[in-house]
Amino acid sequence: MKIIILGAGQVGSSVAANLASEANDITVVDVDVNLLRDLQDRLDIRTVLGHASHPDVLFRAGAEDADMVLAVTNSDETNMVACQVAYSLFRTPTKIARVRTFEYLSYPQLFSNETIPIDVMISPEQVIIDYVKRLIAHPGALQVLDFADGLVQLVAVKAYHDGPLVGQALRCLPEHMPGVDTRVAAIFRRGQAITPEGDTVIEVDDEVFFIAAKKDIRAVMGELRRVDKPNKRIMVAGGGNVGMGLAKALEGEYRVKLIDHNENRSKRISEELDNTIVLWGDAADEELLLEENIEATDVFCALTNDDEANILSAMLAKRLGARKVMALINRAAYVDLVESGDIDIAISPHQAMIGSLLTHVRRGDVAAVHSLRRGAAEAIEAVAHGDSRSSKVVGRAIEDIRLPRGTTIGAVVRRNEVIVAHHDTVIEADDHVILFLVDKSRVSEVERLFQVGVTFL
């Protein structure tokens, strides 16, 4: 696939790195020659220096025969104009744009081939808000991912000493939870992936990815670790688009406090939110946190635009007694560093967003993609088409499907029914099949597996 990526920032460079290793023809456009030079040194891609929305720049980037334009510059307006130019002059089939401004997103009628021709809009703020909401709704989870419109969830948890399943083989799972069907999709032990088998024994500190129907998630989590109390009190540091959006999304169900260092913005936020206590101050001010009962806070979310401020305020909140702390961290080098210390969850915006973008890049009929473990692993929801003659999966039991090494099928969704995958589960046409890939380099093999042969009519 020939893809033009407009913008060589963190999102653009991360997507380029993800796609360059998968036999795609990638061209990256940016006005910063240093960013482009760095990308060319690391990746096998083309780069073009210039303004992303200029017709001559898009022409030099190969827009005449490109399959997709991915506009992820820091400017909404540049992204929108670039998609317009790509459609009007080059008839580019697929146009994806990052649009952050709420005022644009509030008017979806703006975006069509007759107005502004954007096929898919990605809002990074909304992706992060939804991601944090799921984590807050599932205390103890390291990651919570939705598939099949939320019917199925893939959840990562760390196994603790007092978990009933710790020290036992996976085949014991049904005995512990009669009536609850689940499957362990992958286990990471000391950073290394372990393919789960019936005799695999769960050890303390294993990072376990399991898949189940949404209604059964809490029961399964209780088998792997002590069940944490439901979260009630949330404190948000930062009143930007993400912080205020999260407070607005949570204030109907939780007791929310929001801290922002800007006096005027704090006043404006207090007028826009209904049930959130808005505080003007420094989230790294120990005295302020103690005054606001940080020791009674269930989740502290540091969501400012400053990585260092987020790390420091989250570490302070943890030291002062917050039960769980999360920090929004843009620099990839910081993420692994901080999660090994006092910070429970480091939220990487570009990793959260890459899944949304990859969904539209994958070949075959792919309904959802989630990038996992800093992009090393991937979870895919693929739709099975064809029949037993034209498809490599339809009409076959899972044990008879030649899956790439390190790939497991976790669940199948058939007409809104969740079927947790077992060796004798037979795939039918139109099934949504949820797969976990320990090795992301095998993605192209999975794509070929779900492509329909030319004999299918």
Protein backbone atom coordinates (compact mmCIF):
# COMPACT_ATOMS: atom_id res chain seq x y z
CA MET A 1 0.00 0.00 0.00
CA LYS A 2 1.28 3.46 -0.91
CA ILE A 3 0.75 5.82 2.03
CA ILE A 4 1.66 9.51 2.40
CA ILE A 5 2.05 10.63 6.02
CA LEU A 6 1.78 14.39 6.52
CA GLY A 7 3.63 15.40 9.68
CA ALA A 8 6.79 13.89 11.14
CA GLY A 9 5.95 14.56 14.78
CA GLN A 10 5.47 11.87 17.39
CA VAL A 11 2.30 10.43 15.85
CA GLY A 12 3.53 10.61 12.26
CA SER A 13 6.92 9.09 13.04
CA SER A 14 5.37 6.34 15.19
CA VAL A 15 2.92 5.37 12.44
CA ALA A 16 5.72 5.44 9.86
CA ALA A 17 7.81 3.11 12.04
CA ASN A 18 4.85 0.76 12.47
CA LEU A 19 4.05 0.60 8.75
CA ALA A 20 7.53 0.73 7.21
CA SER A 21 8.31 -2.77 8.47
CA GLU A 22 5.21 -4.22 6.75
CA ALA A 23 6.15 -3.86 3.07
CA ASN A 24 4.29 -0.55 2.64
CA ASP A 25 5.55 2.28 0.43
CA ILE A 26 5.77 5.16 2.91
CA THR A 27 6.47 8.84 2.21
CA VAL A 28 6.63 11.35 5.07
CA VAL A 29 6.16 15.11 4.50
CA ASP A 30 7.23 17.82 6.95
CA VAL A 31 8.70 21.32 7.07
CA ASP A 32 11.39 20.29 9.57
CA VAL A 33 14.44 18.95 7.76
CA ASN A 34 15.96 17.59 10.99
CA LEU A 35 12.91 15.44 11.77
CA LEU A 36 12.93 14.05 8.23
CA ARG A 37 16.66 13.33 8.32
CA ASP A 38 16.26 11.45 11.61
CA LEU A 39 13.42 9.34 10.16
CA GLN A 40 15.40 8.49 7.04
CA ASP A 41 18.34 7.39 9.17
CA ARG A 42 16.10 4.97 11.08
CA LEU A 43 13.55 3.76 8.54
CA ASP A 44 13.37 2.62 4.93
CA ILE A 45 11.06 5.42 3.75
CA ARG A 46 10.96 8.44 1.42
CA THR A 47 10.76 11.97 2.80
CA VAL A 48 9.66 15.22 1.20
CA LEU A 49 10.45 18.64 2.62
CA GLY A 50 7.61 21.13 2.33
CA HIS A 51 4.23 22.35 3.54
CA ALA A 52 1.80 19.43 3.81
CA SER A 53 -1.18 21.15 2.16
CA HIS A 54 0.64 22.60 -0.88
CA PRO A 55 -0.35 20.86 -4.15
CA ASP A 56 3.22 20.75 -5.49
CA VAL A 57 4.46 19.14 -2.26
CA LEU A 58 1.75 16.47 -2.41
CA PHE A 59 2.61 15.88 -6.09
CA ARG A 60 6.30 15.38 -5.20
CA ALA A 61 5.22 13.00 -2.43
CA GLY A 62 3.44 10.81 -5.01
CA ALA A 63 -0.20 11.74 -4.38
CA GLU A 64 -1.12 10.90 -8.00
CA ASP A 65 -1.13 7.17 -7.25
CA ALA A 66 -1.25 7.07 -3.44
CA ASP A 67 -3.74 4.76 -1.74
CA MET A 68 -4.00 6.86 1.39
CA VAL A 69 -3.16 10.27 2.82
CA LEU A 70 -2.69 10.38 6.57
CA ALA A 71 -2.70 14.02 7.75
CA VAL A 72 -1.36 14.24 11.31
CA THR A 73 0.38 17.61 11.46
CA ASN A 74 -0.08 19.80 14.54
CA SER A 75 -2.52 22.05 12.63
CA ASP A 76 -6.15 20.99 12.14
CA GLU A 77 -6.49 23.49 9.32
CA THR A 78 -3.43 22.15 7.48
CA ASN A 79 -4.75 18.61 7.83
CA MET A 80 -8.17 19.55 6.48
CA VAL A 81 -6.81 21.54 3.51
CA ALA A 82 -4.35 18.74 2.67
CA CYS A 83 -7.24 16.24 2.48
CA GLN A 84 -9.18 18.67 0.30
CA VAL A 85 -6.24 19.08 -2.10
CA ALA A 86 -5.58 15.31 -2.17
CA TYR A 87 -9.22 14.68 -3.13
CA SER A 88 -9.75 17.57 -5.55
CA LEU A 89 -6.50 17.23 -7.51
CA PHE A 90 -5.46 13.60 -7.08
CA ARG A 91 -8.68 11.74 -6.13
CA THR A 92 -6.83 9.96 -3.30
CA PRO A 93 -9.11 7.05 -2.24
CA THR A 94 -8.66 7.26 1.55
CA LYS A 95 -8.06 10.43 3.54
CA ILE A 96 -7.52 10.33 7.30
CA ALA A 97 -6.98 13.48 9.35
CA ARG A 98 -6.19 14.33 12.93
CA VAL A 99 -8.70 16.94 14.06
CA ARG A 100 -8.39 18.17 17.63
CA THR A 101 -10.55 21.30 17.86
CA PHE A 102 -13.88 20.63 19.53
CA GLU A 103 -15.58 23.35 17.48
CA TYR A 104 -14.87 21.39 14.27
CA LEU A 105 -15.81 18.03 15.75
CA SER A 106 -19.18 19.42 16.87
CA TYR A 107 -20.30 19.75 13.24
CA PRO A 108 -19.90 16.37 11.51
CA GLN A 109 -21.85 17.67 8.50
CA LEU A 110 -18.72 19.65 7.61
CA PHE A 111 -16.95 16.47 6.53
CA SER A 112 -18.04 14.78 3.31
CA ASN A 113 -16.85 14.65 -0.30
CA GLU A 114 -19.13 17.60 -1.08
CA THR A 115 -17.66 19.76 1.70
CA ILE A 116 -14.37 18.82 3.38
CA PRO A 117 -13.45 15.35 2.05
CA ILE A 118 -12.13 13.51 5.11
CA ASP A 119 -13.04 9.81 5.28
CA VAL A 120 -11.89 9.25 8.86
CA MET A 121 -11.30 11.82 11.60
CA ILE A 122 -9.09 10.92 14.53
CA SER A 123 -9.32 12.97 17.72
CA PRO A 124 -6.31 12.14 19.93
CA GLU A 125 -7.93 13.78 22.96
CA GLN A 126 -11.04 11.62 22.65
CA VAL A 127 -8.95 8.46 22.20
CA ILE A 128 -7.08 9.21 25.45
CA ILE A 129 -10.27 10.13 27.34
CA ASP A 130 -11.93 6.85 26.34
CA TYR A 131 -8.77 4.92 27.24
CA VAL A 132 -8.51 6.45 30.74
CA LYS A 133 -12.26 5.99 31.34
CA ARG A 134 -11.95 2.24 30.72
CA LEU A 135 -8.99 2.00 33.11
CA ILE A 136 -10.90 3.84 35.84
CA ALA A 137 -13.92 1.59 35.32
CA HIS A 138 -11.71 -1.52 35.83
CA PRO A 139 -9.59 -1.04 38.99
CA GLY A 140 -6.43 -3.13 38.82
CA ALA A 141 -6.27 -3.29 35.01
CA LEU A 142 -3.12 -2.21 33.16
CA GLN A 143 -4.95 -1.98 29.84
CA VAL A 144 -8.58 -2.41 28.74
CA LEU A 145 -9.44 -2.72 25.04
CA ASP A 146 -12.87 -2.91 23.42
CA PHE A 147 -13.82 -5.13 20.48
CA ALA A 148 -17.08 -5.76 18.63
CA ASP A 149 -18.63 -2.49 19.81
CA GLY A 150 -17.77 -3.25 23.43
CA LEU A 151 -19.23 -6.78 23.59
CA VAL A 152 -15.75 -8.24 24.11
CA GLN A 153 -12.84 -6.82 26.09
CA LEU A 154 -9.16 -7.69 26.20
CA VAL A 155 -7.74 -6.84 29.63
CA ALA A 156 -4.16 -6.88 30.90
CA VAL A 157 -3.55 -7.41 34.63
CA LYS A 158 -0.52 -8.19 36.77
CA ALA A 159 -0.84 -11.43 38.72
CA TYR A 160 -0.38 -10.93 42.48
CA HIS A 161 0.50 -13.24 45.38
CA ASP A 162 -3.04 -13.68 46.61
CA GLY A 163 -4.62 -14.41 43.22
CA PRO A 164 -6.45 -17.79 43.25
CA LEU A 165 -4.91 -18.82 39.91
CA VAL A 166 -1.31 -17.89 40.71
CA GLY A 167 0.76 -21.07 40.81
CA GLN A 168 -1.85 -23.04 38.89
CA ALA A 169 -2.08 -24.21 35.29
CA LEU A 170 -4.38 -22.42 32.83
CA ARG A 171 -6.44 -25.58 32.37
CA CYS A 172 -7.73 -24.99 35.92
CA LEU A 173 -9.50 -21.79 34.81
CA PRO A 174 -12.93 -23.42 34.14
CA GLU A 175 -12.90 -25.13 37.56
CA HIS A 176 -12.43 -21.79 39.34
CA MET A 177 -15.08 -19.98 37.32
CA PRO A 178 -17.95 -22.29 36.39
CA GLY A 179 -20.27 -20.54 33.97
CA VAL A 180 -17.68 -17.92 32.98
CA ASP A 181 -15.89 -18.52 29.68
CA THR A 182 -12.55 -16.81 29.14
CA ARG A 183 -9.25 -17.37 27.41
CA VAL A 184 -5.74 -16.18 28.19
CA ALA A 185 -4.45 -14.64 24.95
CA ALA A 186 -0.86 -14.02 26.06
CA ILE A 187 1.43 -13.91 29.07
CA PHE A 188 4.46 -11.64 29.41
CA ARG A 189 6.98 -12.75 32.03
CA ARG A 190 9.93 -10.48 32.78
CA GLY A 191 9.29 -8.76 29.45
CA GLN A 192 9.29 -11.98 27.40
CA ALA A 193 6.20 -13.37 25.68
CA ILE A 194 4.98 -16.85 26.63
CA THR A 195 2.48 -18.65 24.40
CA PRO A 196 -0.29 -19.83 26.74
CA GLU A 197 -0.91 -23.60 26.79
CA GLY A 198 -3.10 -25.71 29.06
CA ASP A 199 -0.13 -26.62 31.28
CA THR A 200 1.24 -23.04 31.47
CA VAL A 201 1.48 -22.00 35.13
CA ILE A 202 0.78 -18.36 36.06
CA GLU A 203 3.52 -16.84 38.20
CA VAL A 204 3.59 -13.80 40.46
CA ASP A 205 4.14 -10.55 38.49
CA ASP A 206 3.14 -12.14 35.17
CA GLU A 207 1.39 -9.66 32.88
CA VAL A 208 -1.65 -11.64 31.75
CA PHE A 209 -3.81 -10.66 28.77
CA PHE A 210 -7.19 -12.35 28.88
CA ILE A 211 -10.27 -12.00 26.74
CA ALA A 212 -13.91 -12.42 27.77
CA ALA A 213 -17.38 -11.00 27.32
CA LYS A 214 -17.58 -7.55 28.90
CA LYS A 215 -20.00 -8.78 31.59
CA ASP A 216 -17.50 -11.41 32.79
CA ILE A 217 -14.36 -9.23 32.98
CA ARG A 218 -14.59 -8.41 36.70
CA ALA A 219 -15.04 -12.08 37.65
CA VAL A 220 -11.94 -13.10 35.67
CA MET A 221 -9.85 -10.29 37.14
CA GLY A 222 -10.74 -11.56 40.61
CA GLU A 223 -9.10 -14.90 39.81
CA LEU A 224 -5.78 -13.32 38.84
CA ARG A 225 -5.48 -10.72 41.60
CA ARG A 226 -7.34 -9.37 44.59
CA VAL A 227 -10.41 -7.44 43.46
CA ASP A 228 -9.79 -3.74 44.02
CA LYS A 229 -12.56 -1.58 45.42
CA PRO A 230 -14.49 0.36 42.77
CA ASN A 231 -13.05 3.79 42.13
CA LYS A 232 -15.06 6.72 43.50
CA ARG A 233 -12.77 9.73 43.98
CA ILE A 234 -10.82 10.98 40.95
CA MET A 235 -8.36 13.89 40.86
CA VAL A 236 -7.31 15.32 37.49
CA ALA A 237 -4.23 17.50 37.06
CA GLY A 238 -4.49 19.73 33.99
CA GLY A 239 -7.42 21.60 32.53
CA GLY A 240 -6.54 21.29 28.86
CA ASN A 241 -8.67 19.46 26.29
CA VAL A 242 -7.86 16.03 27.74
CA GLY A 243 -8.18 16.95 31.43
CA MET A 244 -11.42 18.90 31.04
CA GLY A 245 -12.85 16.31 28.64
CA LEU A 246 -12.11 13.51 31.10
CA ALA A 247 -13.64 15.44 34.02
CA LYS A 248 -16.76 16.07 31.94
CA ALA A 249 -17.00 12.38 31.02
CA LEU A 250 -16.56 11.21 34.64
CA GLU A 251 -18.44 13.78 36.74
CA GLY A 252 -21.79 12.00 36.39
CA GLU A 253 -20.48 8.77 37.97
CA TYR A 254 -17.53 9.79 40.17
CA ARG A 255 -16.52 12.52 42.61
CA VAL A 256 -14.10 14.55 40.51
CA LYS A 257 -11.64 17.31 41.37
CA LEU A 258 -9.64 19.15 38.71
CA ILE A 259 -6.50 21.24 39.33
CA ASP A 260 -5.17 23.77 36.81
CA HIS A 261 -2.39 26.34 37.21
CA ASN A 262 -4.04 28.98 34.98
CA GLU A 263 -6.48 31.22 36.86
CA ASN A 264 -8.56 32.30 33.86
CA ARG A 265 -8.81 28.78 32.50
CA SER A 266 -9.81 27.47 35.94
CA LYS A 267 -12.67 29.97 36.06
CA ARG A 268 -13.83 29.05 32.57
CA ILE A 269 -13.69 25.30 33.34
CA SER A 270 -15.69 25.77 36.55
CA GLU A 271 -18.45 27.39 34.48
CA GLU A 272 -18.48 24.58 31.91
CA LEU A 273 -18.49 21.63 34.33
CA ASP A 274 -21.51 20.82 36.47
CA ASN A 275 -20.35 18.48 39.24
CA THR A 276 -16.57 18.88 39.28
CA ILE A 277 -14.67 20.80 41.96
CA VAL A 278 -12.22 23.03 40.04
CA LEU A 279 -9.10 24.23 41.89
CA TRP A 280 -6.64 26.89 40.79
CA GLY A 281 -3.14 25.85 41.80
CA ASP A 282 -0.08 23.70 41.17
CA ALA A 283 -0.75 19.94 41.03
CA ALA A 284 2.77 19.36 42.40
CA ASP A 285 2.07 21.51 45.48
CA GLU A 286 2.24 19.13 48.44
CA GLU A 287 0.24 21.44 50.68
CA LEU A 288 -2.58 21.75 48.14
CA LEU A 289 -2.77 17.99 47.62
CA LEU A 290 -2.93 17.35 51.36
CA GLU A 291 -5.64 19.99 51.79
CA GLU A 292 -7.69 18.22 49.10
CA ASN A 293 -7.37 14.82 50.83
CA ILE A 294 -5.06 13.19 48.31
CA GLU A 295 -4.78 10.18 50.65
CA ALA A 296 -8.49 9.45 50.03
CA THR A 297 -8.15 9.71 46.24
CA ASP A 298 -8.66 6.48 44.31
CA VAL A 299 -7.11 7.62 41.01
CA PHE A 300 -4.85 10.63 40.33
CA CYS A 301 -4.55 11.46 36.60
CA ALA A 302 -1.76 13.84 35.56
CA LEU A 303 -2.82 15.07 32.12
CA THR A 304 -1.01 18.35 31.45
CA ASN A 305 1.05 19.01 28.30
CA ASP A 306 4.30 18.81 30.30
CA ASP A 307 5.80 15.32 30.71
CA GLU A 308 8.04 16.32 33.60
CA ALA A 309 5.19 18.04 35.46
CA ASN A 310 3.00 14.96 35.00
CA ILE A 311 5.70 12.61 36.28
CA LEU A 312 6.51 14.74 39.33
CA SER A 313 2.90 15.40 40.35
CA ALA A 314 1.94 11.72 39.89
CA MET A 315 4.93 10.54 41.97
CA LEU A 316 4.09 13.07 44.69
CA ALA A 317 0.42 12.03 44.72
CA LYS A 318 1.45 8.39 45.10
CA ARG A 319 3.82 9.19 47.94
CA LEU A 320 1.08 11.16 49.70
CA GLY A 321 -1.34 8.24 49.58
CA ALA A 322 -3.26 8.20 46.27
CA ARG A 323 -4.26 4.58 45.59
CA LYS A 324 -3.43 4.63 41.88
CA VAL A 325 -1.69 7.24 39.72
CA MET A 326 -1.55 7.70 35.93
CA ALA A 327 0.60 10.11 33.95
CA LEU A 328 0.28 11.26 30.36
CA ILE A 329 3.76 10.96 28.83
CA ASN A 330 4.64 11.94 25.27
CA ARG A 331 8.30 10.91 25.24
CA ALA A 332 8.54 7.21 24.51
CA ALA A 333 11.86 6.94 26.39
CA TYR A 334 10.14 8.00 29.61
CA VAL A 335 7.30 5.48 29.50
CA ASP A 336 9.14 2.28 30.51
CA LEU A 337 11.29 4.27 32.92
CA VAL A 338 8.41 5.63 35.00
CA GLU A 339 6.28 2.46 35.06
CA SER A 340 9.11 0.65 36.82
CA GLY A 341 8.78 3.13 39.70
CA ASP A 342 5.92 4.76 41.60
CA ILE A 343 3.68 5.51 38.61
CA ASP A 344 1.12 2.75 38.02
CA ILE A 345 0.23 3.53 34.41
CA ALA A 346 2.03 5.70 31.87
CA ILE A 347 -0.34 6.80 29.10
CA SER A 348 1.36 7.19 25.74
CA PRO A 349 -0.83 9.38 23.48
CA HIS A 350 0.69 8.32 20.20
CA GLN A 351 0.50 4.60 21.10
CA ALA A 352 -3.17 5.02 22.08
CA MET A 353 -3.83 6.75 18.78
CA ILE A 354 -1.87 4.41 16.51
CA GLY A 355 -4.48 1.65 16.95
CA SER A 356 -7.19 3.97 15.61
CA LEU A 357 -5.04 4.75 12.58
CA LEU A 358 -3.94 1.18 11.89
CA THR A 359 -7.57 0.02 11.74
CA HIS A 360 -7.89 1.85 8.43
CA VAL A 361 -4.52 0.76 7.06
CA ARG A 362 -4.73 -2.99 7.54
CA ARG A 363 -5.55 -5.05 4.45
CA GLY A 364 -8.65 -7.23 4.44
CA ASP A 365 -11.74 -6.41 6.47
CA VAL A 366 -10.35 -5.23 9.81
CA ALA A 367 -12.83 -3.73 12.29
CA ALA A 368 -10.39 -2.76 15.06
CA VAL A 369 -6.67 -2.69 15.81
CA HIS A 370 -4.98 -2.04 19.16
CA SER A 371 -1.25 -1.51 19.53
CA LEU A 372 0.09 -3.17 22.68
CA ARG A 373 3.27 -3.14 24.73
CA ARG A 374 4.76 -0.03 23.09
CA GLY A 375 3.87 -1.31 19.63
CA ALA A 376 5.64 -4.69 19.89
CA ALA A 377 2.35 -6.65 20.01
CA GLU A 378 -1.01 -6.10 18.40
CA ALA A 379 -4.63 -7.16 18.86
CA ILE A 380 -6.81 -7.30 15.75
CA GLU A 381 -10.54 -7.74 15.15
CA ALA A 382 -10.83 -9.25 11.65
CA VAL A 383 -14.03 -10.15 9.82
CA ALA A 384 -14.14 -13.55 8.12
CA HIS A 385 -15.59 -13.61 4.57
CA GLY A 386 -16.08 -16.19 1.87
CA ASP A 387 -16.67 -19.91 2.17
CA SER A 388 -14.63 -23.04 2.79
CA ARG A 389 -13.24 -22.95 -0.78
CA SER A 390 -12.25 -19.28 -1.00
CA SER A 391 -11.22 -18.61 2.62
CA LYS A 392 -8.40 -20.02 4.70
CA VAL A 393 -10.47 -19.66 7.91
CA VAL A 394 -14.20 -20.03 7.12
CA GLY A 395 -15.53 -23.53 7.77
CA ARG A 396 -12.42 -24.55 9.69
CA ALA A 397 -11.91 -25.35 13.36
CA ILE A 398 -9.33 -23.14 15.08
CA GLU A 399 -6.99 -26.12 15.58
CA ASP A 400 -6.93 -26.59 11.77
CA ILE A 401 -6.11 -22.96 10.93
CA ARG A 402 -2.43 -22.33 10.20
CA LEU A 403 -1.92 -19.32 12.42
CA PRO A 404 1.40 -17.45 12.32
CA ARG A 405 3.75 -18.30 15.17
CA GLY A 406 2.88 -16.42 18.37
CA THR A 407 -0.69 -15.68 17.22
CA THR A 408 -3.74 -16.81 19.18
CA ILE A 409 -7.47 -16.48 18.48
CA GLY A 410 -9.14 -15.30 21.68
CA ALA A 411 -12.82 -14.96 20.82
CA VAL A 412 -15.37 -14.96 18.02
CA VAL A 413 -18.39 -12.66 17.88
CA ARG A 414 -21.25 -14.13 15.85
CA ARG A 415 -24.47 -12.08 15.47
CA ASN A 416 -23.83 -10.30 18.80
CA GLU A 417 -23.06 -13.59 20.59
CA VAL A 418 -19.63 -13.82 22.23
CA ILE A 419 -17.95 -17.21 21.73
CA VAL A 420 -14.67 -17.61 23.61
CA ALA A 421 -12.39 -19.52 21.25
CA HIS A 422 -11.47 -23.16 21.89
CA HIS A 423 -9.58 -25.60 19.69
CA ASP A 424 -12.78 -27.02 18.14
CA THR A 425 -14.53 -23.66 17.53
CA VAL A 426 -15.46 -23.45 13.82
CA ILE A 427 -15.22 -20.06 12.10
CA GLU A 428 -18.27 -19.04 10.03
CA ALA A 429 -18.70 -16.35 7.39
CA ASP A 430 -19.15 -12.84 8.84
CA ASP A 431 -17.70 -13.84 12.22
CA HIS A 432 -15.65 -11.14 13.95
CA VAL A 433 -12.45 -12.93 14.99
CA ILE A 434 -10.28 -11.37 17.70
CA LEU A 435 -6.60 -12.27 17.46
CA PHE A 436 -3.60 -11.48 19.63
CA LEU A 437 -0.19 -11.19 17.93
CA VAL A 438 2.80 -11.38 20.23
CA ASP A 439 5.05 -10.50 17.28
CA LYS A 440 3.68 -7.54 15.30
CA SER A 441 5.91 -8.39 12.34
CA ARG A 442 3.50 -11.26 11.60
CA VAL A 443 0.62 -8.88 10.83
CA SER A 444 0.90 -9.31 7.05
CA GLU A 445 0.50 -13.10 7.45
CA VAL A 446 -2.71 -12.58 9.44
CA GLU A 447 -3.98 -10.14 6.79
CA ARG A 448 -3.40 -12.74 4.06
CA LEU A 449 -5.16 -15.35 6.18
CA PHE A 450 -8.36 -13.30 6.16
CA GLN A 451 -8.27 -12.22 2.52
CA VAL A 452 -10.77 -13.95 0.25
CA GLY A 453 -9.57 -15.88 -2.78
CA VAL A 454 -10.50 -14.83 -6.32
CA THR A 455 -12.92 -17.76 -6.63
CA PHE A 456 -15.35 -16.15 -4.17
CA LEU A 457 -18.29 -14.40 -5.89
